[in-house]
Amino acid sequence: RTITHSSGRLNLRPWIAIAIAATLMVVMHAPAFGDMLTEVKSGKIIVHSIPSKKGPDTGRAIAMVEAPTDVVMDILTRMDRYKEFVPRIVSSRKVKSNKYVVESNLPWPVKRAWVYIGVKRKDTGRTSFLRWRMLNGTFKAYEGMAWIQPIDAKRSLVTYQMLAVPKTIAANSVLSKGLAVDPAEAFGQ
């Protein structure tokens, strides 16, 4: 899969993997920092969860993307295009400046869910930062962050973190199993 951007056509493989962190709620442990850096530089995508004592774990993905930082930020801030490449997103549209409605088709017991989110962007030196939070919707919680840093003129390091907790009476263990996405399956491998 590819996506068309003003800078040309981009390979969606890393974008899909990063998006998977939004629905990944299984416990995975990150490798040691030195190993992680080596893995990211070799093109692997690190996906793990950040344990929480109060509820579901937060998913995180770290990847090197073959695109300059401005292109990465442009794609991440265009949430109205998420339906084109984010798994389980069936509709996404801009409502106001920095406000979006995103609809998902999730597995049982959740099924269809939607969220109205506000997005903030901040650029600090070499790092760009994006944060989004639920303003309304059918989730208990929906929030995330992305940090984008240049590796060189043509590559960026992206750290994408997401917590999506649907409103349901199902136990966290049932949700984790039902919402987990197998990266190989998502890439059609």
N, C-alpha and C. Protein backbone atom coordinates (compact mmCIF):
# COMPACT_ATOMS: atom_id res chain seq x y z
N ARG A 1 0.82 -1.18 0.00
CA ARG A 1 0.00 0.00 0.00
C ARG A 1 0.87 1.25 0.00
N THR A 2 0.38 2.28 -0.63
CA THR A 2 1.06 3.58 -0.62
C THR A 2 0.02 4.67 -0.41
N ILE A 3 0.48 5.84 0.02
CA ILE A 3 -0.39 7.01 0.17
C ILE A 3 0.23 8.13 -0.65
N THR A 4 -0.62 8.91 -1.31
CA THR A 4 -0.14 10.02 -2.10
C THR A 4 -0.03 11.25 -1.21
N HIS A 5 1.10 11.89 -1.27
CA HIS A 5 1.36 13.11 -0.51
C HIS A 5 1.97 14.10 -1.48
N SER A 6 1.96 15.39 -1.15
CA SER A 6 2.51 16.39 -2.06
C SER A 6 3.99 16.13 -2.37
N SER A 7 4.67 15.38 -1.49
CA SER A 7 6.08 15.06 -1.73
C SER A 7 6.24 13.79 -2.56
N GLY A 8 5.14 13.15 -2.92
CA GLY A 8 5.19 11.92 -3.72
C GLY A 8 4.42 10.80 -3.06
N ARG A 9 4.64 9.55 -3.53
CA ARG A 9 3.95 8.39 -2.96
C ARG A 9 4.82 7.80 -1.85
N LEU A 10 4.21 7.52 -0.72
CA LEU A 10 4.93 6.99 0.43
C LEU A 10 4.48 5.59 0.76
N ASN A 11 5.41 4.73 1.15
CA ASN A 11 5.11 3.38 1.58
C ASN A 11 4.35 3.43 2.90
N LEU A 12 3.23 2.73 2.99
CA LEU A 12 2.40 2.78 4.19
C LEU A 12 2.80 1.79 5.26
N ARG A 13 3.70 0.85 5.00
CA ARG A 13 4.04 -0.17 5.99
C ARG A 13 4.37 0.43 7.36
N PRO A 14 5.28 1.42 7.47
CA PRO A 14 5.56 1.96 8.80
C PRO A 14 4.38 2.71 9.38
N TRP A 15 3.57 3.36 8.54
CA TRP A 15 2.43 4.11 9.03
C TRP A 15 1.39 3.17 9.62
N ILE A 16 1.15 2.05 8.98
CA ILE A 16 0.18 1.09 9.48
C ILE A 16 0.65 0.53 10.81
N ALA A 17 1.92 0.19 10.89
CA ALA A 17 2.45 -0.36 12.14
C ALA A 17 2.34 0.65 13.26
N ILE A 18 2.61 1.90 12.97
CA ILE A 18 2.49 2.93 13.99
C ILE A 18 1.03 3.06 14.41
N ALA A 19 0.13 2.99 13.47
CA ALA A 19 -1.30 3.09 13.78
C ALA A 19 -1.78 1.92 14.62
N ILE A 20 -1.15 0.77 14.48
CA ILE A 20 -1.54 -0.41 15.25
C ILE A 20 -1.40 -0.15 16.74
N ALA A 21 -0.48 0.70 17.12
CA ALA A 21 -0.31 1.01 18.54
C ALA A 21 -1.60 1.57 19.13
N ALA A 22 -2.44 2.17 18.30
CA ALA A 22 -3.71 2.72 18.79
C ALA A 22 -4.65 1.64 19.29
N THR A 23 -4.55 0.44 18.76
CA THR A 23 -5.46 -0.61 19.19
C THR A 23 -4.75 -1.74 19.91
N LEU A 24 -3.45 -1.61 20.09
CA LEU A 24 -2.69 -2.67 20.75
C LEU A 24 -2.81 -2.51 22.26
N MET A 25 -3.43 -3.48 22.91
CA MET A 25 -3.60 -3.41 24.35
C MET A 25 -3.14 -4.71 24.99
N VAL A 26 -2.14 -5.34 24.44
CA VAL A 26 -1.58 -6.56 25.03
C VAL A 26 -0.25 -6.21 25.65
N VAL A 27 0.17 -6.97 26.63
CA VAL A 27 1.42 -6.67 27.32
C VAL A 27 2.58 -7.17 26.48
N MET A 28 3.41 -6.26 26.07
CA MET A 28 4.63 -6.57 25.34
C MET A 28 5.73 -5.75 25.99
N HIS A 29 6.89 -6.30 26.10
CA HIS A 29 7.97 -5.59 26.76
C HIS A 29 8.97 -5.06 25.73
N ALA A 30 9.39 -3.83 25.93
CA ALA A 30 10.34 -3.22 25.02
C ALA A 30 11.72 -3.82 25.25
N PRO A 31 12.53 -3.96 24.19
CA PRO A 31 13.91 -4.41 24.37
C PRO A 31 14.73 -3.34 25.08
N ALA A 32 15.88 -3.72 25.56
CA ALA A 32 16.79 -2.76 26.19
C ALA A 32 17.10 -1.65 25.19
N PHE A 33 17.40 -0.43 25.68
CA PHE A 33 17.58 0.72 24.81
C PHE A 33 18.58 0.48 23.68
N GLY A 34 19.74 -0.07 23.98
CA GLY A 34 20.75 -0.32 22.94
C GLY A 34 20.23 -1.23 21.85
N ASP A 35 19.52 -2.29 22.24
CA ASP A 35 18.92 -3.20 21.28
C ASP A 35 17.84 -2.50 20.48
N MET A 36 17.04 -1.67 21.14
CA MET A 36 15.96 -0.97 20.47
C MET A 36 16.49 -0.03 19.40
N LEU A 37 17.53 0.70 19.71
CA LEU A 37 18.12 1.61 18.74
C LEU A 37 18.64 0.85 17.53
N THR A 38 19.28 -0.27 17.76
CA THR A 38 19.78 -1.11 16.66
C THR A 38 18.62 -1.63 15.82
N GLU A 39 17.57 -2.08 16.47
CA GLU A 39 16.41 -2.61 15.75
C GLU A 39 15.73 -1.53 14.92
N VAL A 40 15.54 -0.34 15.49
CA VAL A 40 14.90 0.75 14.76
C VAL A 40 15.74 1.15 13.55
N LYS A 41 17.05 1.26 13.73
CA LYS A 41 17.94 1.62 12.62
C LYS A 41 17.93 0.57 11.51
N SER A 42 17.66 -0.69 11.87
CA SER A 42 17.62 -1.75 10.86
C SER A 42 16.27 -1.82 10.16
N GLY A 43 15.35 -0.92 10.54
CA GLY A 43 14.05 -0.87 9.88
C GLY A 43 12.93 -1.56 10.62
N LYS A 44 13.22 -2.14 11.78
CA LYS A 44 12.17 -2.80 12.55
C LYS A 44 11.33 -1.76 13.29
N ILE A 45 10.09 -2.13 13.57
CA ILE A 45 9.18 -1.27 14.31
C ILE A 45 9.01 -1.87 15.69
N ILE A 46 9.33 -1.10 16.70
CA ILE A 46 9.22 -1.56 18.09
C ILE A 46 7.81 -1.22 18.57
N VAL A 47 7.06 -2.22 18.99
CA VAL A 47 5.71 -2.02 19.52
C VAL A 47 5.67 -2.65 20.90
N HIS A 48 5.25 -1.89 21.88
CA HIS A 48 5.12 -2.42 23.24
C HIS A 48 4.06 -1.65 24.00
N SER A 49 3.79 -2.07 25.21
CA SER A 49 2.80 -1.38 26.02
C SER A 49 3.45 -0.81 27.27
N ILE A 50 2.85 0.24 27.78
CA ILE A 50 3.30 0.88 29.00
C ILE A 50 2.30 0.47 30.08
N PRO A 51 2.74 -0.35 31.04
CA PRO A 51 1.81 -0.85 32.05
C PRO A 51 1.15 0.26 32.86
N SER A 52 -0.11 0.02 33.21
CA SER A 52 -0.87 0.96 34.02
C SER A 52 -1.48 0.21 35.20
N LYS A 53 -1.46 0.81 36.37
CA LYS A 53 -2.09 0.20 37.54
C LYS A 53 -3.58 0.53 37.60
N LYS A 54 -4.02 1.56 36.85
CA LYS A 54 -5.39 2.03 36.93
C LYS A 54 -6.31 1.53 35.82
N GLY A 55 -5.79 0.89 34.80
CA GLY A 55 -6.63 0.45 33.70
C GLY A 55 -5.81 -0.17 32.60
N PRO A 56 -6.33 -0.15 31.37
CA PRO A 56 -5.61 -0.74 30.25
C PRO A 56 -4.26 -0.08 30.01
N ASP A 57 -3.35 -0.83 29.45
CA ASP A 57 -2.02 -0.32 29.14
C ASP A 57 -2.08 0.61 27.94
N THR A 58 -1.12 1.53 27.86
CA THR A 58 -0.98 2.44 26.73
C THR A 58 -0.08 1.78 25.70
N GLY A 59 -0.49 1.79 24.43
CA GLY A 59 0.33 1.23 23.36
C GLY A 59 1.34 2.25 22.86
N ARG A 60 2.53 1.78 22.50
CA ARG A 60 3.56 2.66 21.97
C ARG A 60 4.27 1.97 20.82
N ALA A 61 4.53 2.73 19.76
CA ALA A 61 5.30 2.23 18.62
C ALA A 61 6.42 3.22 18.33
N ILE A 62 7.60 2.67 18.02
CA ILE A 62 8.76 3.50 17.68
C ILE A 62 9.28 2.98 16.35
N ALA A 63 9.45 3.88 15.39
CA ALA A 63 9.87 3.45 14.06
C ALA A 63 10.67 4.54 13.36
N MET A 64 11.50 4.10 12.43
CA MET A 64 12.19 5.01 11.54
C MET A 64 11.34 5.05 10.26
N VAL A 65 10.97 6.24 9.84
CA VAL A 65 10.12 6.41 8.67
C VAL A 65 10.94 7.06 7.57
N GLU A 66 10.82 6.53 6.37
CA GLU A 66 11.56 7.07 5.21
C GLU A 66 10.84 8.29 4.66
N ALA A 67 10.83 9.36 5.45
CA ALA A 67 10.23 10.62 5.04
C ALA A 67 10.77 11.72 5.95
N PRO A 68 10.91 12.94 5.42
CA PRO A 68 11.36 14.06 6.25
C PRO A 68 10.33 14.40 7.33
N THR A 69 10.76 15.06 8.37
CA THR A 69 9.90 15.38 9.51
C THR A 69 8.66 16.17 9.11
N ASP A 70 8.78 17.13 8.21
CA ASP A 70 7.61 17.93 7.83
C ASP A 70 6.54 17.07 7.15
N VAL A 71 6.96 16.09 6.36
CA VAL A 71 6.01 15.19 5.70
C VAL A 71 5.32 14.31 6.74
N VAL A 72 6.09 13.79 7.69
CA VAL A 72 5.53 12.94 8.75
C VAL A 72 4.49 13.74 9.54
N MET A 73 4.83 14.96 9.94
CA MET A 73 3.89 15.79 10.70
C MET A 73 2.65 16.10 9.88
N ASP A 74 2.82 16.37 8.60
CA ASP A 74 1.67 16.67 7.75
C ASP A 74 0.71 15.47 7.72
N ILE A 75 1.24 14.27 7.58
CA ILE A 75 0.40 13.07 7.53
C ILE A 75 -0.27 12.82 8.88
N LEU A 76 0.47 12.94 9.97
CA LEU A 76 -0.11 12.70 11.29
C LEU A 76 -1.16 13.74 11.67
N THR A 77 -1.01 14.98 11.23
CA THR A 77 -1.98 16.02 11.58
C THR A 77 -3.20 16.01 10.67
N ARG A 78 -3.15 15.28 9.59
CA ARG A 78 -4.30 15.18 8.67
C ARG A 78 -5.17 13.99 9.07
N MET A 79 -5.78 14.07 10.22
CA MET A 79 -6.59 12.96 10.73
C MET A 79 -7.80 12.67 9.86
N ASP A 80 -8.19 13.62 9.02
CA ASP A 80 -9.29 13.37 8.10
C ASP A 80 -8.92 12.32 7.04
N ARG A 81 -7.64 11.98 6.91
CA ARG A 81 -7.20 10.95 5.95
C ARG A 81 -6.91 9.61 6.61
N TYR A 82 -7.09 9.51 7.94
CA TYR A 82 -6.77 8.27 8.64
C TYR A 82 -7.54 7.08 8.09
N LYS A 83 -8.75 7.28 7.62
CA LYS A 83 -9.55 6.17 7.09
C LYS A 83 -8.85 5.50 5.91
N GLU A 84 -7.91 6.19 5.27
CA GLU A 84 -7.21 5.64 4.12
C GLU A 84 -6.15 4.60 4.50
N PHE A 85 -5.63 4.67 5.74
CA PHE A 85 -4.54 3.75 6.06
C PHE A 85 -4.48 3.23 7.49
N VAL A 86 -5.31 3.72 8.39
CA VAL A 86 -5.29 3.23 9.78
C VAL A 86 -6.28 2.07 9.90
N PRO A 87 -5.79 0.91 10.37
CA PRO A 87 -6.69 -0.24 10.53
C PRO A 87 -7.88 0.09 11.43
N ARG A 88 -9.04 -0.41 11.06
CA ARG A 88 -10.29 -0.31 11.81
C ARG A 88 -10.93 1.07 11.80
N ILE A 89 -10.31 2.07 11.16
CA ILE A 89 -10.94 3.39 11.03
C ILE A 89 -11.81 3.35 9.78
N VAL A 90 -13.11 3.61 9.95
CA VAL A 90 -14.04 3.56 8.81
C VAL A 90 -14.43 4.94 8.32
N SER A 91 -14.24 5.94 9.16
CA SER A 91 -14.58 7.31 8.78
C SER A 91 -13.74 8.26 9.60
N SER A 92 -13.26 9.31 8.97
CA SER A 92 -12.52 10.35 9.69
C SER A 92 -12.72 11.66 8.94
N ARG A 93 -13.09 12.69 9.68
CA ARG A 93 -13.36 13.97 9.01
C ARG A 93 -13.01 15.14 9.93
N LYS A 94 -12.61 16.24 9.29
CA LYS A 94 -12.30 17.46 10.02
C LYS A 94 -13.61 18.20 10.27
N VAL A 95 -13.83 18.65 11.51
CA VAL A 95 -15.05 19.34 11.88
C VAL A 95 -14.79 20.84 12.01
N LYS A 96 -13.68 21.19 12.67
CA LYS A 96 -13.25 22.57 12.87
C LYS A 96 -11.73 22.55 12.81
N SER A 97 -11.13 23.73 12.96
CA SER A 97 -9.68 23.79 13.02
C SER A 97 -9.19 22.97 14.22
N ASN A 98 -8.34 21.99 13.95
CA ASN A 98 -7.76 21.10 14.97
C ASN A 98 -8.78 20.25 15.72
N LYS A 99 -9.94 20.01 15.13
CA LYS A 99 -10.97 19.17 15.72
C LYS A 99 -11.44 18.15 14.65
N TYR A 100 -11.51 16.87 15.06
CA TYR A 100 -11.85 15.79 14.13
C TYR A 100 -12.83 14.82 14.76
N VAL A 101 -13.60 14.15 13.92
CA VAL A 101 -14.43 13.03 14.34
C VAL A 101 -13.88 11.80 13.64
N VAL A 102 -13.59 10.76 14.44
CA VAL A 102 -13.04 9.52 13.90
C VAL A 102 -13.96 8.38 14.35
N GLU A 103 -14.38 7.54 13.38
CA GLU A 103 -15.23 6.39 13.68
C GLU A 103 -14.46 5.11 13.41
N SER A 104 -14.62 4.14 14.32
CA SER A 104 -13.92 2.86 14.22
C SER A 104 -14.93 1.72 14.19
N ASN A 105 -14.54 0.65 13.52
CA ASN A 105 -15.30 -0.59 13.55
C ASN A 105 -14.45 -1.60 14.30
N LEU A 106 -14.74 -1.78 15.58
CA LEU A 106 -13.94 -2.62 16.46
C LEU A 106 -14.61 -3.98 16.63
N PRO A 107 -13.84 -5.00 17.03
CA PRO A 107 -14.43 -6.32 17.23
C PRO A 107 -15.35 -6.36 18.45
N TRP A 108 -16.12 -7.43 18.54
CA TRP A 108 -17.00 -7.65 19.68
C TRP A 108 -16.17 -7.59 20.96
N PRO A 109 -16.63 -7.02 22.00
CA PRO A 109 -18.00 -6.59 22.29
C PRO A 109 -18.27 -5.12 21.99
N VAL A 110 -17.33 -4.43 21.37
CA VAL A 110 -17.46 -2.99 21.17
C VAL A 110 -18.23 -2.64 19.91
N LYS A 111 -17.86 -3.21 18.79
CA LYS A 111 -18.42 -2.92 17.47
C LYS A 111 -18.09 -1.49 17.05
N ARG A 112 -19.08 -0.70 16.69
CA ARG A 112 -18.86 0.65 16.17
C ARG A 112 -18.61 1.64 17.32
N ALA A 113 -17.59 2.49 17.19
CA ALA A 113 -17.28 3.50 18.20
C ALA A 113 -16.83 4.77 17.49
N TRP A 114 -17.04 5.91 18.13
CA TRP A 114 -16.62 7.18 17.55
C TRP A 114 -16.01 8.06 18.63
N VAL A 115 -15.22 9.02 18.16
CA VAL A 115 -14.59 9.96 19.08
C VAL A 115 -14.45 11.33 18.39
N TYR A 116 -14.70 12.38 19.16
CA TYR A 116 -14.50 13.76 18.73
C TYR A 116 -13.24 14.22 19.46
N ILE A 117 -12.19 14.56 18.72
CA ILE A 117 -10.90 14.85 19.35
C ILE A 117 -10.40 16.26 19.02
N GLY A 118 -9.64 16.79 19.95
CA GLY A 118 -8.93 18.04 19.74
C GLY A 118 -7.44 17.73 19.61
N VAL A 119 -6.79 18.42 18.70
CA VAL A 119 -5.38 18.15 18.39
C VAL A 119 -4.55 19.41 18.61
N LYS A 120 -3.40 19.23 19.27
CA LYS A 120 -2.46 20.35 19.47
C LYS A 120 -1.11 19.94 18.92
N ARG A 121 -0.44 20.90 18.29
CA ARG A 121 0.90 20.67 17.72
C ARG A 121 1.87 21.67 18.35
N LYS A 122 3.09 21.18 18.59
CA LYS A 122 4.13 22.05 19.13
C LYS A 122 5.45 21.65 18.49
N ASP A 123 6.20 22.63 18.05
CA ASP A 123 7.54 22.39 17.50
C ASP A 123 8.55 23.01 18.45
N THR A 124 9.49 22.18 18.92
CA THR A 124 10.53 22.66 19.84
C THR A 124 11.88 22.24 19.29
N GLY A 125 12.55 23.17 18.67
CA GLY A 125 13.86 22.84 18.09
C GLY A 125 13.73 21.77 17.03
N ARG A 126 14.44 20.66 17.24
CA ARG A 126 14.44 19.58 16.25
C ARG A 126 13.28 18.60 16.43
N THR A 127 12.54 18.71 17.52
CA THR A 127 11.46 17.76 17.79
C THR A 127 10.11 18.41 17.58
N SER A 128 9.24 17.71 16.85
CA SER A 128 7.85 18.14 16.70
C SER A 128 7.01 17.23 17.57
N PHE A 129 5.98 17.79 18.17
CA PHE A 129 5.17 17.08 19.13
C PHE A 129 3.70 17.26 18.77
N LEU A 130 2.94 16.18 18.79
CA LEU A 130 1.53 16.21 18.47
C LEU A 130 0.78 15.51 19.60
N ARG A 131 -0.29 16.12 20.08
CA ARG A 131 -1.08 15.53 21.17
C ARG A 131 -2.55 15.64 20.82
N TRP A 132 -3.32 14.58 21.08
CA TRP A 132 -4.75 14.60 20.85
C TRP A 132 -5.47 14.01 22.05
N ARG A 133 -6.67 14.54 22.30
CA ARG A 133 -7.49 14.10 23.43
C ARG A 133 -8.96 14.06 23.03
N MET A 134 -9.68 13.14 23.65
CA MET A 134 -11.10 13.02 23.41
C MET A 134 -11.84 14.20 24.04
N LEU A 135 -12.73 14.80 23.26
CA LEU A 135 -13.61 15.85 23.77
C LEU A 135 -15.01 15.28 24.01
N ASN A 136 -15.35 14.23 23.24
CA ASN A 136 -16.64 13.57 23.35
C ASN A 136 -16.53 12.25 22.60
N GLY A 137 -17.45 11.33 22.85
CA GLY A 137 -17.43 10.10 22.09
C GLY A 137 -17.89 8.90 22.90
N THR A 138 -17.76 7.73 22.28
CA THR A 138 -18.22 6.49 22.90
C THR A 138 -17.07 5.70 23.51
N PHE A 139 -15.99 6.35 23.83
CA PHE A 139 -14.86 5.74 24.52
C PHE A 139 -14.83 6.24 25.96
N LYS A 140 -14.25 5.44 26.86
CA LYS A 140 -13.98 5.92 28.22
C LYS A 140 -12.80 6.88 28.16
N ALA A 141 -11.81 6.52 27.35
CA ALA A 141 -10.61 7.35 27.19
C ALA A 141 -10.09 7.18 25.77
N TYR A 142 -9.58 8.25 25.20
CA TYR A 142 -8.98 8.22 23.87
C TYR A 142 -8.01 9.39 23.82
N GLU A 143 -6.74 9.09 23.90
CA GLU A 143 -5.73 10.15 23.87
C GLU A 143 -4.42 9.58 23.35
N GLY A 144 -3.61 10.46 22.80
CA GLY A 144 -2.34 10.00 22.28
C GLY A 144 -1.36 11.13 22.06
N MET A 145 -0.13 10.73 21.77
CA MET A 145 0.95 11.67 21.51
C MET A 145 1.86 11.10 20.44
N ALA A 146 2.51 11.97 19.72
CA ALA A 146 3.53 11.55 18.75
C ALA A 146 4.69 12.54 18.84
N TRP A 147 5.90 11.98 18.87
CA TRP A 147 7.12 12.77 18.83
C TRP A 147 7.80 12.45 17.51
N ILE A 148 8.19 13.46 16.76
CA ILE A 148 8.85 13.26 15.47
C ILE A 148 10.18 14.00 15.51
N GLN A 149 11.25 13.25 15.25
CA GLN A 149 12.60 13.82 15.27
C GLN A 149 13.31 13.45 13.97
N PRO A 150 14.05 14.39 13.38
CA PRO A 150 14.79 14.05 12.16
C PRO A 150 15.99 13.15 12.47
N ILE A 151 16.18 12.15 11.63
CA ILE A 151 17.40 11.33 11.69
C ILE A 151 18.40 11.94 10.73
N ASP A 152 17.91 12.27 9.54
CA ASP A 152 18.67 13.00 8.53
C ASP A 152 17.65 13.69 7.63
N ALA A 153 18.06 14.21 6.49
CA ALA A 153 17.16 14.98 5.63
C ALA A 153 16.00 14.16 5.06
N LYS A 154 16.15 12.83 4.98
CA LYS A 154 15.12 12.00 4.35
C LYS A 154 14.45 11.00 5.30
N ARG A 155 14.88 10.95 6.56
CA ARG A 155 14.32 9.97 7.50
C ARG A 155 13.97 10.62 8.84
N SER A 156 12.94 10.08 9.48
CA SER A 156 12.50 10.59 10.77
C SER A 156 12.32 9.45 11.76
N LEU A 157 12.53 9.75 13.02
CA LEU A 157 12.23 8.82 14.09
C LEU A 157 10.88 9.23 14.65
N VAL A 158 9.92 8.28 14.66
CA VAL A 158 8.58 8.56 15.14
C VAL A 158 8.29 7.69 16.36
N THR A 159 7.86 8.32 17.43
CA THR A 159 7.37 7.61 18.60
C THR A 159 5.90 7.98 18.72
N TYR A 160 5.05 6.97 18.66
CA TYR A 160 3.60 7.15 18.63
C TYR A 160 3.01 6.41 19.83
N GLN A 161 2.27 7.12 20.66
CA GLN A 161 1.73 6.54 21.87
C GLN A 161 0.23 6.76 21.91
N MET A 162 -0.53 5.72 22.28
CA MET A 162 -1.99 5.80 22.18
C MET A 162 -2.66 5.01 23.29
N LEU A 163 -3.71 5.59 23.86
CA LEU A 163 -4.58 4.89 24.79
C LEU A 163 -6.00 5.04 24.27
N ALA A 164 -6.64 3.92 23.96
CA ALA A 164 -8.02 3.91 23.49
C ALA A 164 -8.77 2.88 24.34
N VAL A 165 -9.69 3.37 25.16
CA VAL A 165 -10.45 2.49 26.04
C VAL A 165 -11.93 2.64 25.71
N PRO A 166 -12.51 1.63 25.05
CA PRO A 166 -13.93 1.72 24.71
C PRO A 166 -14.82 1.58 25.94
N LYS A 167 -16.03 2.15 25.88
CA LYS A 167 -17.00 1.96 26.95
C LYS A 167 -17.65 0.59 26.76
N THR A 168 -17.41 -0.29 27.69
CA THR A 168 -18.00 -1.62 27.66
C THR A 168 -17.87 -2.23 29.04
N ILE A 169 -18.70 -3.23 29.31
CA ILE A 169 -18.60 -3.91 30.59
C ILE A 169 -17.65 -5.10 30.52
N ALA A 170 -17.09 -5.35 29.36
CA ALA A 170 -16.15 -6.48 29.19
C ALA A 170 -14.88 -6.22 30.00
N ALA A 171 -14.31 -7.30 30.51
CA ALA A 171 -13.06 -7.22 31.27
C ALA A 171 -11.92 -6.76 30.37
N ASN A 172 -10.90 -6.11 30.96
CA ASN A 172 -9.74 -5.65 30.19
C ASN A 172 -9.07 -6.79 29.43
N SER A 173 -9.04 -8.00 30.03
CA SER A 173 -8.40 -9.14 29.36
C SER A 173 -9.14 -9.51 28.09
N VAL A 174 -10.48 -9.42 28.09
CA VAL A 174 -11.27 -9.71 26.89
C VAL A 174 -11.01 -8.64 25.84
N LEU A 175 -10.99 -7.37 26.26
CA LEU A 175 -10.71 -6.28 25.32
C LEU A 175 -9.32 -6.42 24.72
N SER A 176 -8.33 -6.71 25.56
CA SER A 176 -6.95 -6.83 25.07
C SER A 176 -6.85 -7.90 23.99
N LYS A 177 -7.47 -9.04 24.22
CA LYS A 177 -7.41 -10.13 23.25
C LYS A 177 -8.16 -9.75 21.97
N GLY A 178 -9.33 -9.12 22.11
CA GLY A 178 -10.14 -8.77 20.95
C GLY A 178 -9.59 -7.62 20.12
N LEU A 179 -8.92 -6.67 20.76
CA LEU A 179 -8.44 -5.48 20.05
C LEU A 179 -7.02 -5.61 19.54
N ALA A 180 -6.28 -6.61 20.00
CA ALA A 180 -4.90 -6.78 19.55
C ALA A 180 -4.86 -7.04 18.05
N VAL A 181 -3.87 -6.49 17.40
CA VAL A 181 -3.70 -6.65 15.96
C VAL A 181 -2.36 -7.31 15.70
N ASP A 182 -2.36 -8.36 14.92
CA ASP A 182 -1.13 -9.04 14.55
C ASP A 182 -0.48 -8.23 13.41
N PRO A 183 0.72 -7.66 13.63
CA PRO A 183 1.34 -6.84 12.58
C PRO A 183 1.47 -7.57 11.25
N ALA A 184 1.82 -8.86 11.25
CA ALA A 184 1.96 -9.59 9.99
C ALA A 184 0.62 -9.65 9.26
N GLU A 185 -0.46 -9.83 10.01
CA GLU A 185 -1.79 -9.87 9.40
C GLU A 185 -2.16 -8.50 8.84
N ALA A 186 -1.85 -7.43 9.59
CA ALA A 186 -2.18 -6.08 9.14
C ALA A 186 -1.44 -5.72 7.86
N PHE A 187 -0.23 -6.25 7.68
CA PHE A 187 0.56 -5.94 6.48
C PHE A 187 0.28 -6.91 5.36
N GLY A 188 -0.61 -7.89 5.59
CA GLY A 188 -0.92 -8.87 4.55
C GLY A 188 0.24 -9.79 4.25
N GLN A 189 1.08 -10.08 5.25
CA GLN A 189 2.24 -10.94 5.05
C GLN A 189 1.94 -12.35 5.45
